[in-house]
Structure formats: structure tokens, C-alpha cells
Amino acid sequence: MKSFLFWIYAVCYSKIFFARNPLKSQKKTLSKIIQNLNATQYQKAFSEDLIVNSEDFFSKIPVSDYENLQPFIEKILNGDQNVFCQNSIKYMLLSSGTTSGAKYIPITKEGISYQIRGAKLVLILYALHKKNASFMKHFMIFLQGSPQLDIQNSIPAGRLSGVVYHEVPKFFQKNKLPSYEVNIIEDWILKINAIVDETKSKDISIIGGIPPWCIQYFEALLKEKQVNNLKSIFPNLELYIHGGVDFSPYRSKVKKLLGNEVVCLDTFPASEGFFAIQDHPEAEDMLLLTDNGIYYEFREVGGLETISLENVKTNVVYELIISNLSGFYRYAIGDLVCFTSVLPYRIQVAGRVQHFISAFGEHVIAHHIESVMSSFIEFSNIEIIDFHVCPDVSNKQYLWFIEAELNEKLKINQKQYEAFLDHELSKKNSYYKHLIEGKIIRQCQIIWLNSGSFETYRIENKKLGAQNKVVHLSNNMEIGKWFLN
């Protein structure tokens, strides 16, 4: 009955979803955002008069980063009302903040509903693809942050995934795992082991979570059950939902651990909003959600002017600027995207603004590095556990720290592998090609790491847990020096 009801809901909802005009939806969202902004402390800080239209909004409200917004966030934490928006703040989301340390992100009841809607839409479109919703008969596992919340001046505060735990619709609650008692375990290794114990005998159809952390769960479960893939444990397992990091370097390993029949779908969520989803298993990009409480602007890397959705072009890397209904306006979220299509608007995530290498003037971004690693895995047939790339300025070369099962083949083919990495990166970045061909920098060097090296790094640097993402490239040697030492 539950599967049938969800199937009917999916069919009805999809008719509304696909009938929406994305540009009209964006215009309507912006109008609602402006209304929510007016008569707030934030609006009055930039304009004595109310914001009356979009031209007013763009001319008077500046593009901001977290540091610009922090004084206003402090006011919310101190108990002030009507700071960013007229609607009351229901939660303060704690983000890891790769640029600013720990960050508090305000979110309203409506903002939470859009987060839930984005996640629900993944299941709706998947059900439409397979023409049934039989997965609703079984359990679903989502590796997430602790649902135990702190109180910041009467406002509950916690990680987005922990907050969402409390807001899951009743329709889904009986199916979800892990339990609250297991989810609040703080020690990540103990939590993984507890999740294994709780789920190993359940009938699971869907698993969700960030790839490197799910891999830990998969491997622990397989070791416990002494089998080769999760499909052997969960015969009804059919879908893995991931997000937060580029999936391409993890794809082959995850598929092997899950079993090749399991479908993998990508998502693009953040504390500030749910932006895009992979709407079809064969898609290599994601559908931008244009009616999910977010108004989008874009600016080219290094540029100052922003453009709206109707003016974007394909194959251009843009910095993502968002305004939402929880009170963040023209906020530079720090993510880079590239459009693969317009009408429909489809994107690929190209990395983070602060994650680049330009030690020699080349500006290599995460999308370049992760694409190269994906090609390298296919070329070498090596099972990569994780990796990090950084520049060694003194020796004028890139260092690739790669964790894999060490064997003689790696040493024998090392030069061939290094040449392949340079060749592939040269195809992605013309400046890097010029540096290599002009012998301005030397051929890159692979430094092979023993299994467990990245986990040891995370433990010693207190970066364990589902909210901590692997940094695959850096413009300095900070992480590289740790491995070298």
C-alpha cells in the first residue's frame, strides 16, 4: 500500500513539476525573497527605503560572503528578531565552513520544507524512471550527522542532516535507519560499528551519504558478513544517493562494494539550499532546481558582474551566488558550476572557489583534478582509496598523494602513470599544458600511500565524521607535508 500511494503521489507531483517554467519560477521566487527582506535589520543596513523591485534589489543589496554576514548572525544568536527576514528562524545550521571555520546558517520552517522537498524529489524522479515505487516497502539508511541539537539562545542548532532527521515526514519515518540512539553516537568509528550491528539483518532498499564515509560503512559491513558486495546482504538494495563531493574518483570502488546492479544518483545539497539533482541514472549532470526557494545568480571566476539564469552559457565555469527565503541574500556560497544545457538548465559542480592550484599561474580547479583521477582509475585499473594533489613550489612540480593497495606494479609503471596524469591534466587546463611542454615545471610525482593513510590523517586532525569532506587539492603543502612526514 505504501509503495502504491507513493507511486500515485510521484505521478501527480511530476506533472506539476515538469509544467513549471524555470524563468517564471525564478522571478516569482525573487519577488517572495524581496518581500521577506523588507523591514528587516539587514535591509535597513543598505537602504533607508524599502526594496520595491529586482532592480532595487541588485543595486542596493551587495554580493556578500560569510564574513560580511557574521555580525548579523551574531545578532540572531544573541536573541534579536527580524534580522535577516520577517519569518522566524527555526534552526541554526552548523556548517563545517571550509573558508571561515565553523559557520551558523539560519533556516526558517519554509527553508527546511524546501530541503525536504529536494530530497523527496530524488525519490519521485527515480520512481518515475523505474515505473514503480517498490523501494518504499523496505528500509532506507542515511549516514548523517548527530540529530542531538544544541540550543543557541532558544534556537536549536545542529548539522543540516541532524536537523532534517527531526523533520522527516511521518510517511517515511518507520522506514528510516539508523535509529536516534545510534545516530547520536559522537565517536565516528563507534557509530559506524553500531550502524553495522543495527542494519546487517534489515531489508534495505536505499542507502544515502557522502561517498568516502559510506565506503567505511560498506567495508565494515562486508567484513562483518564475510561477503563481497552489499547486494549479497540486501537483495532488495537498488539505490545509492550521494552528494557533497565529486563522485567520479569513488565510482568504481563504490559500485564494486554495492554490486553493479545498484543505481547511483548524485545530488547538490548545502545548508543554504537544495540546488540540483541527478534526475536520471544515465545522466552525467544534474537538473538545477529553479522552484525550490532559491534565486540564482552567477559570475565568471575572477569577475565582478553577476548574471541571472536567463543569461548563462554552457561550458563556462561560474561562481554560484544564491538568495534564499531563510535570509541569505546574494550570498557567494563558494561553489563553482558549469552549465551543460539551458532549457532545461543542467549543471555539473566544478569544485569550490577556494579549492584550486595556481602556484605557477595555471588555476587548476577541482573539476580538472577529479576528472583526471577518474580517467586515471580507468586507465590504470588501480583501486584508488583516496587522494590529494598539491604543488611543490621548491621542486616545481605537482605531487599526487594516492592511497591504494601497494604492489610492485605501481613502482614498475610509475613513470608511465605520472606521464598519463600530466597528459590528462594538460587536456583539461591549457596553462598547465604550457608549463609542462615549456619545461617551466617538471613532470608530476606520484607518492603512493599505504591503505589507511587518509583515515589516519582524519583521526589525527579530528576530521572524522559524515560532515567532513576530503580536500582533493590545495594550493599549499599543508596536507602534503603531513603525509611526507
Protein backbone atom coordinates (compact mmCIF):
# COMPACT_ATOMS: atom_id res chain seq x y z
CA MET A 1 0.00 0.00 0.00
CA LYS A 2 2.81 2.42 0.90
CA SER A 3 4.54 1.81 -2.44
CA PHE A 4 1.30 2.34 -4.35
CA LEU A 5 0.49 5.59 -2.52
CA PHE A 6 3.97 6.98 -3.17
CA TRP A 7 3.74 5.98 -6.84
CA ILE A 8 0.44 7.86 -7.25
CA TYR A 9 1.93 10.86 -5.43
CA ALA A 10 5.04 10.76 -7.69
CA VAL A 11 2.97 10.73 -10.88
CA CYS A 12 0.76 13.62 -9.75
CA TYR A 13 3.65 15.72 -8.43
CA SER A 14 5.76 15.21 -11.55
CA LYS A 15 3.02 16.66 -13.76
CA ILE A 16 3.17 19.89 -11.74
CA PHE A 17 6.97 19.84 -11.57
CA PHE A 18 7.58 19.48 -15.31
CA ALA A 19 4.91 22.05 -16.20
CA ARG A 20 6.74 24.86 -14.39
CA ASN A 21 8.62 27.47 -16.42
CA PRO A 22 12.07 27.85 -14.79
CA LEU A 23 12.47 31.56 -15.57
CA LYS A 24 8.97 32.40 -14.32
CA SER A 25 9.66 30.34 -11.20
CA GLN A 26 12.87 32.30 -10.59
CA LYS A 27 11.06 35.63 -10.98
CA LYS A 28 8.35 34.54 -8.56
CA THR A 29 10.95 33.31 -6.04
CA LEU A 30 12.85 36.62 -6.19
CA SER A 31 9.65 38.58 -5.58
CA LYS A 32 8.97 36.48 -2.49
CA ILE A 33 12.56 36.92 -1.27
CA ILE A 34 12.35 40.71 -1.61
CA GLN A 35 9.10 40.74 0.35
CA ASN A 36 10.76 38.67 3.10
CA LEU A 37 13.79 41.01 3.19
CA ASN A 38 11.90 44.28 3.60
CA ALA A 39 11.61 45.91 7.03
CA THR A 40 14.47 43.81 8.43
CA GLN A 41 17.71 44.93 10.03
CA TYR A 42 19.62 43.67 7.00
CA GLN A 43 17.51 45.68 4.54
CA LYS A 44 17.83 48.85 6.64
CA ALA A 45 21.61 48.46 6.76
CA PHE A 46 21.76 49.07 2.98
CA SER A 47 18.69 51.13 2.16
CA GLU A 48 16.58 53.67 4.03
CA ASP A 49 13.69 52.87 1.71
CA LEU A 50 12.03 49.52 1.09
CA ILE A 51 13.26 47.37 -1.80
CA VAL A 52 10.49 47.65 -4.40
CA ASN A 53 11.68 45.51 -7.34
CA SER A 54 14.52 43.39 -8.69
CA GLU A 55 16.47 46.42 -9.99
CA ASP A 56 16.34 47.87 -6.48
CA PHE A 57 17.47 44.55 -5.02
CA PHE A 58 20.51 44.20 -7.30
CA SER A 59 21.59 47.84 -6.93
CA LYS A 60 21.22 48.15 -3.15
CA ILE A 61 21.97 44.69 -1.74
CA PRO A 62 25.64 43.75 -2.26
CA VAL A 63 27.07 40.32 -3.01
CA SER A 64 28.32 39.02 0.34
CA ASP A 65 30.37 36.23 1.84
CA TYR A 66 30.05 34.75 5.31
CA GLU A 67 32.35 37.30 6.93
CA ASN A 68 30.03 40.11 5.75
CA LEU A 69 27.02 38.35 7.24
CA GLN A 70 28.61 37.26 10.52
CA PRO A 71 27.71 40.42 12.54
CA PHE A 72 24.04 39.89 11.66
CA ILE A 73 24.25 36.18 12.53
CA GLU A 74 25.68 37.14 15.91
CA LYS A 75 22.55 39.25 16.48
CA ILE A 76 20.35 36.19 15.85
CA LEU A 77 22.48 34.12 18.22
CA ASN A 78 22.06 36.88 20.82
CA GLY A 79 18.28 36.71 20.54
CA ASP A 80 17.46 39.54 18.09
CA GLN A 81 14.39 39.15 15.87
CA ASN A 82 13.73 40.36 12.34
CA VAL A 83 17.43 40.41 11.48
CA PHE A 84 17.54 38.79 8.02
CA CYS A 85 13.91 38.01 7.30
CA GLN A 86 10.40 38.54 8.59
CA ASN A 87 9.86 34.81 9.17
CA SER A 88 11.19 33.42 12.43
CA ILE A 89 14.36 31.33 12.41
CA LYS A 90 13.56 27.72 13.33
CA TYR A 91 17.12 26.32 13.43
CA MET A 92 20.72 27.44 13.18
CA LEU A 93 22.55 25.02 10.90
CA LEU A 94 26.16 24.34 11.78
CA SER A 95 28.33 24.09 8.68
CA SER A 96 31.95 22.90 8.60
CA GLY A 97 32.92 26.11 6.77
CA THR A 98 35.92 25.33 4.58
CA THR A 99 36.65 29.06 4.21
CA SER A 100 35.52 30.54 7.51
CA GLY A 101 35.79 27.84 10.14
CA ALA A 102 32.54 26.72 11.79
CA LYS A 103 29.56 28.66 10.46
CA TYR A 104 26.00 29.12 11.65
CA ILE A 105 23.43 29.26 8.84
CA PRO A 106 19.90 30.42 9.78
CA ILE A 107 16.98 28.47 8.35
CA THR A 108 13.23 29.04 8.63
CA LYS A 109 10.45 26.46 8.68
CA GLU A 110 9.90 27.15 4.98
CA GLY A 111 13.61 26.68 4.27
CA ILE A 112 13.52 23.25 5.92
CA SER A 113 10.48 22.31 3.83
CA TYR A 114 12.45 23.07 0.65
CA GLN A 115 15.32 20.86 1.86
CA ILE A 116 12.84 18.01 2.41
CA ARG A 117 11.22 18.66 -0.97
CA GLY A 118 14.58 18.43 -2.75
CA ALA A 119 15.34 15.06 -1.13
CA LYS A 120 11.82 13.81 -1.84
CA LEU A 121 12.15 14.84 -5.49
CA VAL A 122 15.10 12.46 -5.91
CA LEU A 123 12.82 9.56 -4.93
CA ILE A 124 9.95 10.86 -7.06
CA LEU A 125 12.02 11.05 -10.25
CA TYR A 126 13.66 7.71 -9.53
CA ALA A 127 10.23 6.10 -9.10
CA LEU A 128 9.13 7.59 -12.45
CA HIS A 129 12.26 6.20 -14.10
CA LYS A 130 11.65 2.65 -12.87
CA LYS A 131 7.83 2.97 -13.21
CA ASN A 132 7.13 1.83 -9.64
CA ALA A 133 7.91 2.71 -6.03
CA SER A 134 8.56 -0.78 -4.66
CA PHE A 135 11.57 0.58 -2.71
CA MET A 136 9.10 2.12 -0.24
CA LYS A 137 8.37 -1.36 1.18
CA HIS A 138 11.89 -1.64 2.61
CA PHE A 139 14.24 0.23 4.96
CA MET A 140 16.38 3.21 3.96
CA ILE A 141 19.76 4.06 5.54
CA PHE A 142 21.09 7.61 5.59
CA LEU A 143 24.52 8.23 7.12
CA GLN A 144 24.19 11.63 8.73
CA GLY A 145 25.30 13.96 11.49
CA SER A 146 24.01 13.64 15.02
CA PRO A 147 20.35 14.64 15.47
CA GLN A 148 21.18 15.77 19.02
CA LEU A 149 20.82 19.57 18.87
CA ASP A 150 22.34 22.36 20.94
CA ILE A 151 20.37 25.42 21.94
CA GLN A 152 21.66 28.84 20.85
CA ASN A 153 19.51 31.42 22.70
CA SER A 154 16.35 29.28 22.41
CA ILE A 155 17.13 28.34 18.76
CA PRO A 156 18.02 24.64 18.21
CA ALA A 157 21.33 24.27 16.37
CA GLY A 158 22.98 21.35 14.61
CA ARG A 159 24.19 19.90 11.30
CA LEU A 160 21.74 20.01 8.40
CA SER A 161 21.46 16.22 8.25
CA GLY A 162 20.86 16.09 12.00
CA VAL A 163 18.18 18.78 11.82
CA VAL A 164 16.46 17.10 8.86
CA TYR A 165 16.24 13.93 10.98
CA HIS A 166 13.62 15.71 13.10
CA GLU A 167 11.68 16.97 10.07
CA VAL A 168 11.31 13.77 8.03
CA PRO A 169 7.61 13.37 7.08
CA LYS A 170 5.73 10.70 9.06
CA PHE A 171 5.19 8.79 5.81
CA PHE A 172 8.94 7.94 5.76
CA GLN A 173 9.72 7.67 9.47
CA LYS A 174 9.09 3.94 10.01
CA ASN A 175 11.42 3.08 7.12
CA LYS A 176 14.46 5.15 8.09
CA LEU A 177 17.67 4.00 9.75
CA PRO A 178 19.84 4.39 11.79
CA SER A 179 17.83 4.87 14.96
CA TYR A 180 18.12 8.03 17.05
CA GLU A 181 20.16 6.21 19.71
CA VAL A 182 22.75 5.11 17.16
CA ASN A 183 22.76 8.43 15.29
CA ILE A 184 23.75 10.45 18.37
CA ILE A 185 26.95 8.45 18.94
CA GLU A 186 29.72 11.06 18.62
CA ASP A 187 32.72 8.79 18.01
CA TRP A 188 32.60 8.10 14.26
CA ILE A 189 34.19 4.63 14.36
CA LEU A 190 31.90 3.51 17.18
CA LYS A 191 28.94 4.94 15.25
CA ILE A 192 29.85 3.04 12.07
CA ASN A 193 30.11 -0.22 14.05
CA ALA A 194 26.77 0.45 15.72
CA ILE A 195 25.14 1.13 12.34
CA VAL A 196 26.54 -2.17 11.06
CA ASP A 197 25.02 -4.02 14.04
CA GLU A 198 21.67 -2.29 13.60
CA THR A 199 21.34 -2.74 9.83
CA LYS A 200 23.07 -6.03 8.99
CA SER A 201 19.86 -8.07 9.29
CA LYS A 202 17.43 -5.49 7.90
CA ASP A 203 15.83 -5.44 4.44
CA ILE A 204 17.44 -2.35 2.88
CA SER A 205 16.48 -0.76 -0.47
CA ILE A 206 18.15 2.68 -0.36
CA ILE A 207 21.40 4.00 1.13
CA GLY A 208 22.43 7.67 1.23
CA GLY A 209 25.50 9.61 2.32
CA ILE A 210 28.86 11.14 1.34
CA PRO A 211 30.93 8.54 -0.61
CA PRO A 212 34.14 8.32 1.48
CA TRP A 213 32.17 7.87 4.69
CA CYS A 214 29.70 5.40 3.20
CA ILE A 215 32.68 3.36 1.97
CA GLN A 216 33.74 2.95 5.61
CA TYR A 217 30.28 1.60 6.45
CA PHE A 218 30.23 -0.66 3.37
CA GLU A 219 33.64 -2.16 4.17
CA ALA A 220 32.81 -2.68 7.86
CA LEU A 221 29.53 -4.40 6.93
CA LEU A 222 31.17 -6.63 4.31
CA LYS A 223 33.86 -7.64 6.78
CA GLU A 224 31.20 -8.49 9.37
CA LYS A 225 29.17 -10.60 6.92
CA GLN A 226 32.17 -12.06 5.03
CA VAL A 227 30.73 -11.33 1.54
CA ASN A 228 31.93 -9.36 -1.50
CA ASN A 229 29.16 -6.79 -2.00
CA LEU A 230 26.13 -5.31 -0.27
CA LYS A 231 23.70 -6.76 -2.78
CA SER A 232 24.56 -10.15 -1.27
CA ILE A 233 23.40 -8.87 2.13
CA PHE A 234 20.47 -6.74 0.97
CA PRO A 235 18.80 -8.44 -2.05
CA ASN A 236 16.37 -5.52 -2.44
CA LEU A 237 19.09 -2.84 -2.40
CA GLU A 238 18.63 -0.78 -5.56
CA LEU A 239 19.65 2.85 -4.99
CA TYR A 240 22.59 4.77 -3.52
CA ILE A 241 22.09 8.55 -3.18
CA HIS A 242 25.24 10.61 -2.73
CA GLY A 243 26.39 14.23 -2.74
CA GLY A 244 28.81 16.64 -1.14
CA VAL A 245 31.89 15.59 -3.15
CA ASP A 246 32.69 14.70 -6.76
CA PHE A 247 31.66 11.07 -7.20
CA SER A 248 33.89 10.18 -10.17
CA PRO A 249 37.01 9.17 -8.15
CA TYR A 250 34.87 6.90 -5.95
CA ARG A 251 32.56 5.46 -8.62
CA SER A 252 34.37 2.21 -9.42
CA LYS A 253 35.07 1.35 -5.77
CA VAL A 254 31.52 2.16 -4.63
CA LYS A 255 29.96 0.15 -7.48
CA LYS A 256 32.18 -2.82 -6.60
CA LEU A 257 31.19 -2.65 -2.92
CA LEU A 258 27.49 -2.17 -3.63
CA GLY A 259 27.13 -4.56 -6.54
CA ASN A 260 26.90 -3.29 -10.11
CA GLU A 261 23.10 -3.53 -10.30
CA VAL A 262 22.66 -0.77 -7.68
CA VAL A 263 21.81 2.64 -9.21
CA CYS A 264 23.83 5.66 -8.02
CA LEU A 265 22.29 9.15 -8.10
CA ASP A 266 24.07 12.45 -7.40
CA THR A 267 22.67 15.44 -5.51
CA PHE A 268 23.81 19.01 -4.78
CA PRO A 269 22.55 20.00 -1.32
CA ALA A 270 24.01 22.56 1.10
CA SER A 271 22.96 24.19 4.35
CA GLU A 272 21.82 27.19 2.31
CA GLY A 273 19.57 25.23 -0.03
CA PHE A 274 18.97 22.12 -2.14
CA PHE A 275 20.19 23.13 -5.60
CA ALA A 276 20.25 20.24 -8.06
CA ILE A 277 19.66 16.51 -8.54
CA GLN A 278 20.63 13.81 -10.99
CA ASP A 279 17.19 13.09 -12.41
CA HIS A 280 18.14 10.02 -14.47
CA PRO A 281 20.62 7.18 -13.75
CA GLU A 282 22.37 7.64 -17.10
CA ALA A 283 22.80 11.43 -16.76
CA GLU A 284 26.30 12.83 -16.25
CA ASP A 285 24.95 16.13 -15.00
CA MET A 286 22.20 17.38 -12.68
CA LEU A 287 18.92 19.23 -13.16
CA LEU A 288 19.02 22.67 -11.50
CA LEU A 289 16.01 23.12 -9.18
CA THR A 290 14.59 26.50 -10.16
CA ASP A 291 11.49 26.40 -7.96
CA ASN A 292 12.90 25.29 -4.61
CA GLY A 293 13.16 28.52 -2.61
CA ILE A 294 16.43 29.70 -4.21
CA TYR A 295 17.11 32.59 -6.58
CA TYR A 296 20.33 32.06 -8.54
CA GLU A 297 22.95 34.48 -9.83
CA PHE A 298 26.26 33.60 -11.46
CA ARG A 299 29.57 35.32 -12.10
CA GLU A 300 32.59 34.16 -14.00
CA VAL A 301 35.62 33.23 -11.93
CA GLY A 302 37.56 36.39 -11.12
CA GLY A 303 34.74 38.60 -12.40
CA LEU A 304 32.63 41.18 -10.58
CA GLU A 305 29.38 41.35 -12.54
CA THR A 306 26.62 38.81 -11.84
CA ILE A 307 24.09 37.48 -14.31
CA SER A 308 20.75 35.75 -13.80
CA LEU A 309 19.73 32.35 -15.10
CA GLU A 310 18.41 33.54 -18.48
CA ASN A 311 21.87 34.82 -19.45
CA VAL A 312 24.07 31.83 -18.62
CA LYS A 313 26.05 30.00 -21.28
CA THR A 314 27.18 26.40 -21.49
CA ASN A 315 30.80 25.36 -20.87
CA VAL A 316 31.61 28.44 -18.75
CA VAL A 317 32.66 28.00 -15.12
CA TYR A 318 30.58 30.26 -12.86
CA GLU A 319 30.72 31.06 -9.19
CA LEU A 320 27.30 30.38 -7.65
CA ILE A 321 25.55 33.28 -5.87
CA ILE A 322 22.27 32.48 -4.08
CA SER A 323 19.44 34.24 -2.30
CA ASN A 324 17.04 32.17 -0.21
CA LEU A 325 13.90 32.50 1.87
CA SER A 326 15.78 31.98 5.15
CA GLY A 327 17.58 35.32 4.94
CA PHE A 328 20.77 34.92 2.91
CA TYR A 329 20.77 37.46 0.08
CA ARG A 330 23.21 37.48 -2.85
CA TYR A 331 25.43 35.10 -0.91
CA ALA A 332 28.62 33.80 -2.55
CA ILE A 333 28.28 30.21 -1.46
CA GLY A 334 31.77 29.21 -2.63
CA ASP A 335 30.78 26.58 -5.21
CA LEU A 336 31.67 26.58 -8.91
CA VAL A 337 29.25 25.23 -11.51
CA CYS A 338 29.27 24.72 -15.26
CA PHE A 339 26.13 24.52 -17.39
CA THR A 340 25.88 21.56 -19.74
CA SER A 341 22.46 22.65 -21.02
CA VAL A 342 19.99 25.53 -20.91
CA LEU A 343 16.25 24.94 -21.09
CA PRO A 344 16.41 22.59 -19.33
CA TYR A 345 19.06 24.09 -17.07
CA ARG A 346 21.54 21.34 -16.24
CA ILE A 347 24.82 21.71 -14.37
CA GLN A 348 27.96 19.97 -13.22
CA VAL A 349 29.64 21.03 -9.99
CA ALA A 350 33.16 22.20 -10.85
CA GLY A 351 34.53 22.46 -7.31
CA ARG A 352 34.97 25.08 -4.64
CA VAL A 353 36.19 28.64 -5.18
CA GLN A 354 38.99 28.21 -2.64
CA HIS A 355 39.98 24.74 -3.89
CA PHE A 356 42.40 25.40 -6.73
CA ILE A 357 46.09 25.23 -7.56
CA SER A 358 47.74 28.27 -9.08
CA ALA A 359 51.27 28.11 -7.73
CA PHE A 360 52.61 28.68 -11.25
CA GLY A 361 49.74 30.82 -12.64
CA GLU A 362 47.70 27.90 -14.02
CA HIS A 363 44.48 27.99 -11.88
CA VAL A 364 43.69 24.28 -11.92
CA ILE A 365 40.29 23.65 -10.27
CA ALA A 366 38.79 20.61 -8.53
CA HIS A 367 36.80 19.59 -11.62
CA HIS A 368 40.07 19.27 -13.60
CA ILE A 369 41.79 17.16 -10.93
CA GLU A 370 38.81 14.91 -10.24
CA SER A 371 38.19 14.31 -13.95
CA VAL A 372 41.86 13.37 -14.40
CA MET A 373 41.69 10.96 -11.45
CA SER A 374 38.58 9.34 -12.90
CA SER A 375 40.42 8.79 -16.21
CA PHE A 376 43.49 7.52 -14.35
CA ILE A 377 41.46 4.89 -12.48
CA GLU A 378 40.05 3.63 -15.77
CA PHE A 379 43.49 3.70 -17.48
CA SER A 380 45.46 2.02 -14.68
CA ASN A 381 42.76 -0.32 -13.34
CA ILE A 382 44.00 0.56 -9.85
CA GLU A 383 41.53 0.67 -6.97
CA ILE A 384 42.11 4.12 -5.51
CA ILE A 385 41.06 4.64 -1.89
CA ASP A 386 41.60 8.43 -1.79
CA PHE A 387 43.98 11.13 -3.00
CA HIS A 388 45.27 14.67 -2.57
CA VAL A 389 47.12 16.93 -5.03
CA CYS A 390 49.25 19.96 -4.16
CA PRO A 391 52.15 21.96 -5.68
CA ASP A 392 55.73 21.52 -4.54
CA VAL A 393 56.97 25.01 -5.41
CA SER A 394 60.60 24.42 -4.45
CA ASN A 395 60.84 21.43 -6.83
CA LYS A 396 58.47 22.98 -9.43
CA GLN A 397 56.09 20.05 -9.77
CA TYR A 398 52.71 18.70 -8.69
CA LEU A 399 52.61 15.99 -6.03
CA TRP A 400 49.84 13.39 -6.23
CA PHE A 401 49.38 11.59 -2.91
CA ILE A 402 47.42 8.45 -3.82
CA GLU A 403 46.26 5.80 -1.36
CA ALA A 404 45.96 2.35 -2.90
CA GLU A 405 46.78 -1.29 -2.27
CA LEU A 406 50.57 -1.17 -2.74
CA ASN A 407 52.24 -3.67 -5.08
CA GLU A 408 55.20 -3.95 -7.48
CA LYS A 409 53.06 -2.93 -10.47
CA LEU A 410 52.79 0.60 -9.09
CA LYS A 411 56.57 1.09 -8.91
CA ILE A 412 57.23 -0.53 -12.30
CA ASN A 413 54.68 1.68 -14.07
CA GLN A 414 55.23 4.83 -12.01
CA LYS A 415 56.73 6.96 -14.80
CA GLN A 416 54.02 5.88 -17.21
CA TYR A 417 51.35 6.79 -14.65
CA GLU A 418 52.93 10.18 -13.96
CA ALA A 419 53.10 10.95 -17.68
CA PHE A 420 49.44 9.99 -18.02
CA LEU A 421 48.38 12.34 -15.22
CA ASP A 422 50.28 15.25 -16.78
CA HIS A 423 48.89 14.48 -20.25
CA GLU A 424 45.28 14.34 -18.98
CA LEU A 425 45.63 17.49 -16.88
CA SER A 426 47.14 19.30 -19.88
CA LYS A 427 43.99 18.42 -21.84
CA LYS A 428 41.86 19.97 -19.09
CA ASN A 429 43.96 23.09 -18.47
CA SER A 430 45.86 24.86 -21.27
CA TYR A 431 48.03 26.79 -18.81
CA TYR A 432 49.24 23.56 -17.24
CA LYS A 433 49.97 22.23 -20.73
CA HIS A 434 52.12 25.29 -21.43
CA LEU A 435 54.01 24.82 -18.13
CA ILE A 436 54.75 21.15 -18.86
CA GLU A 437 55.58 21.50 -22.57
CA GLY A 438 57.73 24.59 -21.92
CA LYS A 439 59.56 22.69 -19.15
CA ILE A 440 58.70 25.53 -16.78
CA ILE A 441 57.66 22.84 -14.29
CA ARG A 442 58.77 19.23 -14.01
CA GLN A 443 56.69 16.12 -14.55
CA CYS A 444 54.41 15.44 -11.60
CA GLN A 445 55.34 12.90 -8.95
CA ILE A 446 53.08 10.21 -7.51
CA ILE A 447 53.62 9.41 -3.84
CA TRP A 448 51.89 6.13 -3.05
CA LEU A 449 50.32 5.87 0.40
CA ASN A 450 49.59 2.73 2.40
CA SER A 451 45.99 1.71 2.98
CA GLY A 452 44.59 3.62 5.94
CA SER A 453 46.74 6.73 5.43
CA PHE A 454 43.81 9.09 4.85
CA GLU A 455 41.89 7.63 7.76
CA THR A 456 44.93 8.18 9.99
CA TYR A 457 45.13 11.78 8.74
CA ARG A 458 41.45 12.33 9.56
CA ILE A 459 41.78 10.82 13.03
CA GLU A 460 44.89 12.81 13.96
CA ASN A 461 43.45 16.05 12.55
CA LYS A 462 39.97 15.47 14.06
CA LYS A 463 38.26 15.30 10.68
CA LEU A 464 36.32 12.07 11.15
CA GLY A 465 32.58 12.05 10.56
CA ALA A 466 30.00 12.32 7.81
CA GLN A 467 30.20 16.12 7.63
CA ASN A 468 33.93 16.32 6.95
CA LYS A 469 34.73 16.25 3.25
CA VAL A 470 38.01 15.16 1.71
CA VAL A 471 40.06 18.04 0.25
CA HIS A 472 41.35 16.68 -3.06
CA LEU A 473 43.52 19.63 -3.99
CA SER A 474 45.18 22.53 -2.25
CA ASN A 475 47.30 25.50 -3.31
CA ASN A 476 49.74 24.84 -0.48
CA MET A 477 51.69 21.95 1.00
CA GLU A 478 49.95 21.82 4.39
CA ILE A 479 48.28 18.41 3.87
CA GLY A 480 51.13 17.22 1.64
CA LYS A 481 53.72 17.91 4.35
CA TRP A 482 51.69 15.87 6.83
CA PHE A 483 51.89 12.83 4.52
CA LEU A 484 55.57 13.42 3.74
CA ASN A 485 56.34 13.48 7.45
